[in-house]
Amino acid sequence: MSEHDIDFDGIDPAAALTEAVENDPFRRFRYHFDQVRGQGKENAACLATVDGNGAPSARMILIKSLSYRGFVFFTHYDSRKGRYIAANPFAALVMYWPSIGVQVRVEGKVEIVAKHQSESYFQSRPRESQIGAWASEQSQVIPSRESLLEKLQQTRLRFADQTSLPLPERWGGMCLVPDAFEFWYCAAARLHDRFQYHIAVPGKPPVWEIQRLSP
């Protein structure tokens, strides 16, 4: 699997935008993802969070897996986004695919994934990426680029005799569990099509209410 693929778990692909796909926001998302698969960075998303005082912050991340539970990404838990999510777990994702004129917005609550899921993904990463996760205290102030490179080399030496690096204690996966989706479709005269999904009846699976929005 390439760095820019999403691992779909249980969300079947669809050859056409059928009524069943339209009624299921996860399958609708996969339908469009499959349309743009192979463009290079189709799983890049803007993650927006707020801190405990309501101050916003946004950054680009890579979505690594998607199931009916939600969208999973990996980070240092003490990074800025990790700290903000700890203070206020509600967040939003935005993906935009200009080649097909589709934007997807997802809103929900972020949860830390099970440790075995973080362990499995960490062990699948290239060794240098694993070493980088150990060497970098993400989002923390550092004195210089040289100090970071020195710490990287020290980390290489620290694990030189180990074929497998352990999972860093404060690094792992987070899952945004959606309670709302919006699909935006580019159209002529700026009369774009917009469809929003909200959970009408909670459950496994939930029942989604679909509404068309004015552009």
C-alpha atoms as a PDB file:
ATOM      1  CA  MET A   1       0.000   0.000   0.000  1.00  0.00           C
ATOM      2  CA  SER A   2       1.312   3.441  -0.941  1.00  0.00           C
ATOM      3  CA  GLU A   3       1.715   6.241   1.582  1.00  0.00           C
ATOM      4  CA  HIS A   4      -1.162   8.001  -0.136  1.00  0.00           C
ATOM      5  CA  ASP A   5      -3.709   5.184   0.019  1.00  0.00           C
ATOM      6  CA  ILE A   6      -6.480   4.766   2.562  1.00  0.00           C
ATOM      7  CA  ASP A   7      -6.979   1.317   4.023  1.00  0.00           C
ATOM      8  CA  PHE A   8     -10.745   0.771   3.767  1.00  0.00           C
ATOM      9  CA  ASP A   9     -12.141  -1.684   6.286  1.00  0.00           C
ATOM     10  CA  GLY A  10     -15.592  -3.021   5.452  1.00  0.00           C
ATOM     11  CA  ILE A  11     -16.591  -0.204   3.096  1.00  0.00           C
ATOM     12  CA  ASP A  12     -17.188  -1.855  -0.255  1.00  0.00           C
ATOM     13  CA  PRO A  13     -16.285  -0.066  -3.483  1.00  0.00           C
ATOM     14  CA  ALA A  14     -19.065   0.820  -5.906  1.00  0.00           C
ATOM     15  CA  ALA A  15     -18.929   0.857  -9.693  1.00  0.00           C
ATOM     16  CA  ALA A  16     -21.687   3.484  -9.913  1.00  0.00           C
ATOM     17  CA  LEU A  17     -23.258   6.125  -7.702  1.00  0.00           C
ATOM     18  CA  THR A  18     -26.285   3.989  -6.834  1.00  0.00           C
ATOM     19  CA  GLU A  19     -29.062   4.876  -4.392  1.00  0.00           C
ATOM     20  CA  ALA A  20     -27.473   2.581  -1.788  1.00  0.00           C
ATOM     21  CA  VAL A  21     -24.182   4.484  -2.096  1.00  0.00           C
ATOM     22  CA  GLU A  22     -25.945   7.858  -1.982  1.00  0.00           C
ATOM     23  CA  ASN A  23     -27.688   6.885   1.271  1.00  0.00           C
ATOM     24  CA  ASP A  24     -24.426   5.867   2.970  1.00  0.00           C
ATOM     25  CA  PRO A  25     -21.924   8.744   3.434  1.00  0.00           C
ATOM     26  CA  PHE A  26     -19.025   6.337   4.017  1.00  0.00           C
ATOM     27  CA  ARG A  27     -19.690   4.490   0.744  1.00  0.00           C
ATOM     28  CA  ARG A  28     -20.273   7.802  -1.031  1.00  0.00           C
ATOM     29  CA  PHE A  29     -16.878   8.947   0.218  1.00  0.00           C
ATOM     30  CA  ARG A  30     -15.250   5.763  -1.049  1.00  0.00           C
ATOM     31  CA  TYR A  31     -16.939   6.144  -4.436  1.00  0.00           C
ATOM     32  CA  HIS A  32     -15.296   9.541  -4.928  1.00  0.00           C
ATOM     33  CA  PHE A  33     -11.991   8.424  -3.420  1.00  0.00           C
ATOM     34  CA  ASP A  34     -11.860   5.591  -5.956  1.00  0.00           C
ATOM     35  CA  GLN A  35     -12.516   8.133  -8.720  1.00  0.00           C
ATOM     36  CA  VAL A  36      -9.318  10.021  -7.849  1.00  0.00           C
ATOM     37  CA  ARG A  37      -7.176   7.150  -6.563  1.00  0.00           C
ATOM     38  CA  GLY A  38      -3.689   7.301  -8.023  1.00  0.00           C
ATOM     39  CA  GLN A  39      -3.423  11.100  -8.232  1.00  0.00           C
ATOM     40  CA  GLY A  40      -0.764  11.062  -5.515  1.00  0.00           C
ATOM     41  CA  LYS A  41      -2.190  12.669  -2.405  1.00  0.00           C
ATOM     42  CA  GLU A  42      -5.896  11.964  -2.487  1.00  0.00           C
ATOM     43  CA  ASN A  43      -5.939  11.145   1.238  1.00  0.00           C
ATOM     44  CA  ALA A  44      -4.465  14.509   2.253  1.00  0.00           C
ATOM     45  CA  ALA A  45      -6.979  16.373   4.395  1.00  0.00           C
ATOM     46  CA  CYS A  46      -7.162  19.592   6.341  1.00  0.00           C
ATOM     47  CA  LEU A  47      -7.809  18.825  10.020  1.00  0.00           C
ATOM     48  CA  ALA A  48      -9.348  21.698  11.982  1.00  0.00           C
ATOM     49  CA  THR A  49      -9.334  21.662  15.783  1.00  0.00           C
ATOM     50  CA  VAL A  50     -10.005  24.121  18.600  1.00  0.00           C
ATOM     51  CA  ASP A  51      -8.229  24.485  21.903  1.00  0.00           C
ATOM     52  CA  GLY A  52      -9.875  24.585  25.325  1.00  0.00           C
ATOM     53  CA  ASN A  53     -10.654  28.302  24.836  1.00  0.00           C
ATOM     54  CA  GLY A  54     -12.161  27.880  21.379  1.00  0.00           C
ATOM     55  CA  ALA A  55      -9.172  29.157  19.379  1.00  0.00           C
ATOM     56  CA  PRO A  56      -9.034  27.446  15.955  1.00  0.00           C
ATOM     57  CA  SER A  57      -6.072  25.689  14.370  1.00  0.00           C
ATOM     58  CA  ALA A  58      -5.779  23.826  11.054  1.00  0.00           C
ATOM     59  CA  ARG A  59      -3.152  21.718   9.313  1.00  0.00           C
ATOM     60  CA  MET A  60      -2.809  19.114   6.550  1.00  0.00           C
ATOM     61  CA  ILE A  61      -2.661  15.451   7.544  1.00  0.00           C
ATOM     62  CA  LEU A  62      -2.845  12.064   5.807  1.00  0.00           C
ATOM     63  CA  ILE A  63      -5.869   9.856   6.456  1.00  0.00           C
ATOM     64  CA  LYS A  64      -4.479   6.317   6.795  1.00  0.00           C
ATOM     65  CA  SER A  65      -7.588   4.181   7.233  1.00  0.00           C
ATOM     66  CA  LEU A  66     -11.352   4.448   7.098  1.00  0.00           C
ATOM     67  CA  SER A  67     -13.990   2.118   8.480  1.00  0.00           C
ATOM     68  CA  TYR A  68     -17.565   2.592   9.612  1.00  0.00           C
ATOM     69  CA  ARG A  69     -16.038   3.756  12.892  1.00  0.00           C
ATOM     70  CA  GLY A  70     -14.339   6.745  11.283  1.00  0.00           C
ATOM     71  CA  PHE A  71     -11.250   8.363   9.767  1.00  0.00           C
ATOM     72  CA  VAL A  72      -7.883   7.373  11.313  1.00  0.00           C
ATOM     73  CA  PHE A  73      -4.681   9.432  11.278  1.00  0.00           C
ATOM     74  CA  PHE A  74      -1.447   9.175  13.265  1.00  0.00           C
ATOM     75  CA  THR A  75       0.445  11.789  15.242  1.00  0.00           C
ATOM     76  CA  HIS A  76       2.341  12.621  18.418  1.00  0.00           C
ATOM     77  CA  TYR A  77      -0.202  12.969  21.187  1.00  0.00           C
ATOM     78  CA  ASP A  78       1.766  15.931  22.592  1.00  0.00           C
ATOM     79  CA  SER A  79       1.749  17.778  19.260  1.00  0.00           C
ATOM     80  CA  ARG A  80      -0.324  20.920  18.970  1.00  0.00           C
ATOM     81  CA  LYS A  81      -3.250  19.048  17.427  1.00  0.00           C
ATOM     82  CA  GLY A  82      -2.909  16.311  20.042  1.00  0.00           C
ATOM     83  CA  ARG A  83      -3.050  18.845  22.872  1.00  0.00           C
ATOM     84  CA  TYR A  84      -5.990  20.670  21.300  1.00  0.00           C
ATOM     85  CA  ILE A  85      -7.920  17.431  20.826  1.00  0.00           C
ATOM     86  CA  ALA A  86      -7.235  16.478  24.445  1.00  0.00           C
ATOM     87  CA  ALA A  87      -8.727  19.823  25.508  1.00  0.00           C
ATOM     88  CA  ASN A  88     -11.652  19.718  23.061  1.00  0.00           C
ATOM     89  CA  PRO A  89     -12.214  16.474  21.115  1.00  0.00           C
ATOM     90  CA  PHE A  90     -14.500  17.942  18.431  1.00  0.00           C
ATOM     91  CA  ALA A  91     -12.845  18.450  15.049  1.00  0.00           C
ATOM     92  CA  ALA A  92     -13.470  18.662  11.304  1.00  0.00           C
ATOM     93  CA  LEU A  93     -11.819  17.314   8.157  1.00  0.00           C
ATOM     94  CA  VAL A  94     -11.914  18.801   4.664  1.00  0.00           C
ATOM     95  CA  MET A  95     -10.834  17.039   1.459  1.00  0.00           C
ATOM     96  CA  TYR A  96     -10.941  18.708  -1.956  1.00  0.00           C
ATOM     97  CA  TRP A  97     -10.412  16.888  -5.262  1.00  0.00           C
ATOM     98  CA  PRO A  98     -10.364  19.556  -8.019  1.00  0.00           C
ATOM     99  CA  SER A  99     -10.010  17.011 -10.840  1.00  0.00           C
ATOM    100  CA  ILE A 100     -13.585  15.821 -10.195  1.00  0.00           C
ATOM    101  CA  GLY A 101     -14.921  19.024  -8.606  1.00  0.00           C
ATOM    102  CA  VAL A 102     -15.782  17.435  -5.262  1.00  0.00           C
ATOM    103  CA  GLN A 103     -15.214  18.662  -1.710  1.00  0.00           C
ATOM    104  CA  VAL A 104     -16.024  16.563   1.358  1.00  0.00           C
ATOM    105  CA  ARG A 105     -16.416  17.949   4.861  1.00  0.00           C
ATOM    106  CA  VAL A 106     -16.598  15.654   7.907  1.00  0.00           C
ATOM    107  CA  GLU A 107     -17.343  16.691  11.498  1.00  0.00           C
ATOM    108  CA  GLY A 108     -17.272  14.656  14.685  1.00  0.00           C
ATOM    109  CA  LYS A 109     -15.481  13.705  17.857  1.00  0.00           C
ATOM    110  CA  VAL A 110     -11.888  12.410  17.936  1.00  0.00           C
ATOM    111  CA  GLU A 111     -10.902   9.332  19.930  1.00  0.00           C
ATOM    112  CA  ILE A 112      -7.539   7.624  20.487  1.00  0.00           C
ATOM    113  CA  VAL A 113      -7.431   4.256  18.711  1.00  0.00           C
ATOM    114  CA  ALA A 114      -6.548   0.964  20.409  1.00  0.00           C
ATOM    115  CA  LYS A 115      -2.840   0.543  21.078  1.00  0.00           C
ATOM    116  CA  HIS A 116      -2.594  -2.574  18.896  1.00  0.00           C
ATOM    117  CA  GLN A 117      -3.796  -0.530  15.899  1.00  0.00           C
ATOM    118  CA  SER A 118      -1.096   2.090  16.508  1.00  0.00           C
ATOM    119  CA  GLU A 119       1.487  -0.653  16.985  1.00  0.00           C
ATOM    120  CA  SER A 120       0.520  -2.363  13.727  1.00  0.00           C
ATOM    121  CA  TYR A 121       0.734   0.833  11.698  1.00  0.00           C
ATOM    122  CA  PHE A 122       3.993   1.947  13.336  1.00  0.00           C
ATOM    123  CA  GLN A 123       5.648  -1.366  12.484  1.00  0.00           C
ATOM    124  CA  SER A 124       4.539  -0.983   8.842  1.00  0.00           C
ATOM    125  CA  ARG A 125       6.386   2.337   8.470  1.00  0.00           C
ATOM    126  CA  PRO A 126       9.899   2.631   6.982  1.00  0.00           C
ATOM    127  CA  ARG A 127      12.631   2.440   9.621  1.00  0.00           C
ATOM    128  CA  GLU A 128      13.699   6.065   9.059  1.00  0.00           C
ATOM    129  CA  SER A 129      10.108   7.209   9.665  1.00  0.00           C
ATOM    130  CA  GLN A 130      10.068   5.202  12.899  1.00  0.00           C
ATOM    131  CA  ILE A 131      13.349   6.793  13.983  1.00  0.00           C
ATOM    132  CA  GLY A 132      11.970  10.217  13.116  1.00  0.00           C
ATOM    133  CA  ALA A 133       8.942   9.631  15.334  1.00  0.00           C
ATOM    134  CA  TRP A 134      11.275   8.861  18.232  1.00  0.00           C
ATOM    135  CA  ALA A 135      13.597  11.809  17.524  1.00  0.00           C
ATOM    136  CA  SER A 136      10.982  14.512  17.035  1.00  0.00           C
ATOM    137  CA  GLU A 137       8.962  16.051  19.850  1.00  0.00           C
ATOM    138  CA  GLN A 138       6.383  17.283  17.372  1.00  0.00           C
ATOM    139  CA  SER A 139       5.366  20.963  17.637  1.00  0.00           C
ATOM    140  CA  GLN A 140       7.835  21.678  20.453  1.00  0.00           C
ATOM    141  CA  VAL A 141      10.276  24.604  20.162  1.00  0.00           C
ATOM    142  CA  ILE A 142      13.819  23.525  19.210  1.00  0.00           C
ATOM    143  CA  PRO A 143      17.014  25.651  19.207  1.00  0.00           C
ATOM    144  CA  SER A 144      18.062  24.826  15.639  1.00  0.00           C
ATOM    145  CA  ARG A 145      17.779  22.452  12.703  1.00  0.00           C
ATOM    146  CA  GLU A 146      21.211  21.120  13.641  1.00  0.00           C
ATOM    147  CA  SER A 147      19.996  20.116  17.097  1.00  0.00           C
ATOM    148  CA  LEU A 148      17.186  18.078  15.511  1.00  0.00           C
ATOM    149  CA  LEU A 149      19.580  16.327  13.121  1.00  0.00           C
ATOM    150  CA  GLU A 150      21.912  15.561  16.017  1.00  0.00           C
ATOM    151  CA  LYS A 151      19.051  14.023  17.969  1.00  0.00           C
ATOM    152  CA  LEU A 152      18.090  12.016  14.885  1.00  0.00           C
ATOM    153  CA  GLN A 153      21.604  10.575  14.687  1.00  0.00           C
ATOM    154  CA  GLN A 154      21.596   9.817  18.417  1.00  0.00           C
ATOM    155  CA  THR A 155      18.304   7.965  17.934  1.00  0.00           C
ATOM    156  CA  ARG A 156      19.768   5.935  15.057  1.00  0.00           C
ATOM    157  CA  LEU A 157      22.636   4.898  17.327  1.00  0.00           C
ATOM    158  CA  ARG A 158      20.283   4.147  20.207  1.00  0.00           C
ATOM    159  CA  PHE A 159      18.360   1.612  18.140  1.00  0.00           C
ATOM    160  CA  ALA A 160      21.226   0.435  15.929  1.00  0.00           C
ATOM    161  CA  ASP A 161      21.244  -3.108  17.324  1.00  0.00           C
ATOM    162  CA  GLN A 162      17.435  -3.501  17.225  1.00  0.00           C
ATOM    163  CA  THR A 163      15.745  -4.871  14.124  1.00  0.00           C
ATOM    164  CA  SER A 164      12.349  -3.582  15.277  1.00  0.00           C
ATOM    165  CA  LEU A 165      11.713  -0.292  17.043  1.00  0.00           C
ATOM    166  CA  PRO A 166       9.101  -0.143  19.803  1.00  0.00           C
ATOM    167  CA  LEU A 167       6.083   2.134  19.549  1.00  0.00           C
ATOM    168  CA  PRO A 168       6.825   5.517  21.165  1.00  0.00           C
ATOM    169  CA  GLU A 169       4.711   6.005  24.271  1.00  0.00           C
ATOM    170  CA  ARG A 170       3.198   9.315  23.114  1.00  0.00           C
ATOM    171  CA  TRP A 171       2.707   8.478  19.420  1.00  0.00           C
ATOM    172  CA  GLY A 172      -0.231   6.734  17.828  1.00  0.00           C
ATOM    173  CA  GLY A 173      -3.556   6.844  16.049  1.00  0.00           C
ATOM    174  CA  MET A 174      -6.602   9.041  16.432  1.00  0.00           C
ATOM    175  CA  CYS A 175     -10.016   8.433  14.875  1.00  0.00           C
ATOM    176  CA  LEU A 176     -12.488  11.143  13.932  1.00  0.00           C
ATOM    177  CA  VAL A 177     -15.904   9.530  14.454  1.00  0.00           C
ATOM    178  CA  PRO A 178     -18.299  11.366  12.123  1.00  0.00           C
ATOM    179  CA  ASP A 179     -21.681  12.690  13.105  1.00  0.00           C
ATOM    180  CA  ALA A 180     -21.973  14.884   9.992  1.00  0.00           C
ATOM    181  CA  PHE A 181     -20.800  14.844   6.363  1.00  0.00           C
ATOM    182  CA  GLU A 182     -21.179  17.366   3.573  1.00  0.00           C
ATOM    183  CA  PHE A 183     -20.538  16.610  -0.104  1.00  0.00           C
ATOM    184  CA  TRP A 184     -20.048  19.619  -2.397  1.00  0.00           C
ATOM    185  CA  TYR A 185     -20.155  19.291  -6.204  1.00  0.00           C
ATOM    186  CA  CYS A 186     -18.920  22.032  -8.503  1.00  0.00           C
ATOM    187  CA  ALA A 187     -21.574  23.201 -10.982  1.00  0.00           C
ATOM    188  CA  ALA A 188     -22.115  25.960 -13.559  1.00  0.00           C
ATOM    189  CA  ALA A 189     -23.070  29.525 -12.585  1.00  0.00           C
ATOM    190  CA  ARG A 190     -21.844  28.756  -9.052  1.00  0.00           C
ATOM    191  CA  LEU A 191     -25.058  26.813  -8.418  1.00  0.00           C
ATOM    192  CA  HIS A 192     -23.105  24.038  -6.776  1.00  0.00           C
ATOM    193  CA  ASP A 193     -24.760  20.897  -5.431  1.00  0.00           C
ATOM    194  CA  ARG A 194     -24.436  20.361  -1.673  1.00  0.00           C
ATOM    195  CA  PHE A 195     -25.711  17.426   0.368  1.00  0.00           C
ATOM    196  CA  GLN A 196     -25.397  17.163   4.135  1.00  0.00           C
ATOM    197  CA  TYR A 197     -25.743  14.020   6.245  1.00  0.00           C
ATOM    198  CA  HIS A 198     -26.628  14.010   9.945  1.00  0.00           C
ATOM    199  CA  ILE A 199     -27.325  11.029  12.168  1.00  0.00           C
ATOM    200  CA  ALA A 200     -31.105  10.829  12.559  1.00  0.00           C
ATOM    201  CA  VAL A 201     -31.207   7.547  14.500  1.00  0.00           C
ATOM    202  CA  PRO A 202     -28.060   6.396  16.341  1.00  0.00           C
ATOM    203  CA  GLY A 203     -27.138   2.743  16.000  1.00  0.00           C
ATOM    204  CA  LYS A 204     -24.806   0.279  14.336  1.00  0.00           C
ATOM    205  CA  PRO A 205     -25.190   1.291  11.607  1.00  0.00           C
ATOM    206  CA  PRO A 206     -26.900   4.652  12.253  1.00  0.00           C
ATOM    207  CA  VAL A 207     -29.679   6.017  10.086  1.00  0.00           C
ATOM    208  CA  TRP A 208     -28.529   9.122   8.221  1.00  0.00           C
ATOM    209  CA  GLU A 209     -30.777  12.049   7.307  1.00  0.00           C
ATOM    210  CA  ILE A 210     -29.833  13.608   3.956  1.00  0.00           C
ATOM    211  CA  GLN A 211     -30.623  17.217   3.049  1.00  0.00           C
ATOM    212  CA  ARG A 212     -29.828  19.268  -0.034  1.00  0.00           C
ATOM    213  CA  LEU A 213     -28.343  22.698   0.730  1.00  0.00           C
ATOM    214  CA  SER A 214     -28.460  25.929  -1.233  1.00  0.00           C
ATOM    215  CA  PRO A 215     -25.062  26.810  -2.706  1.00  0.00           C
END
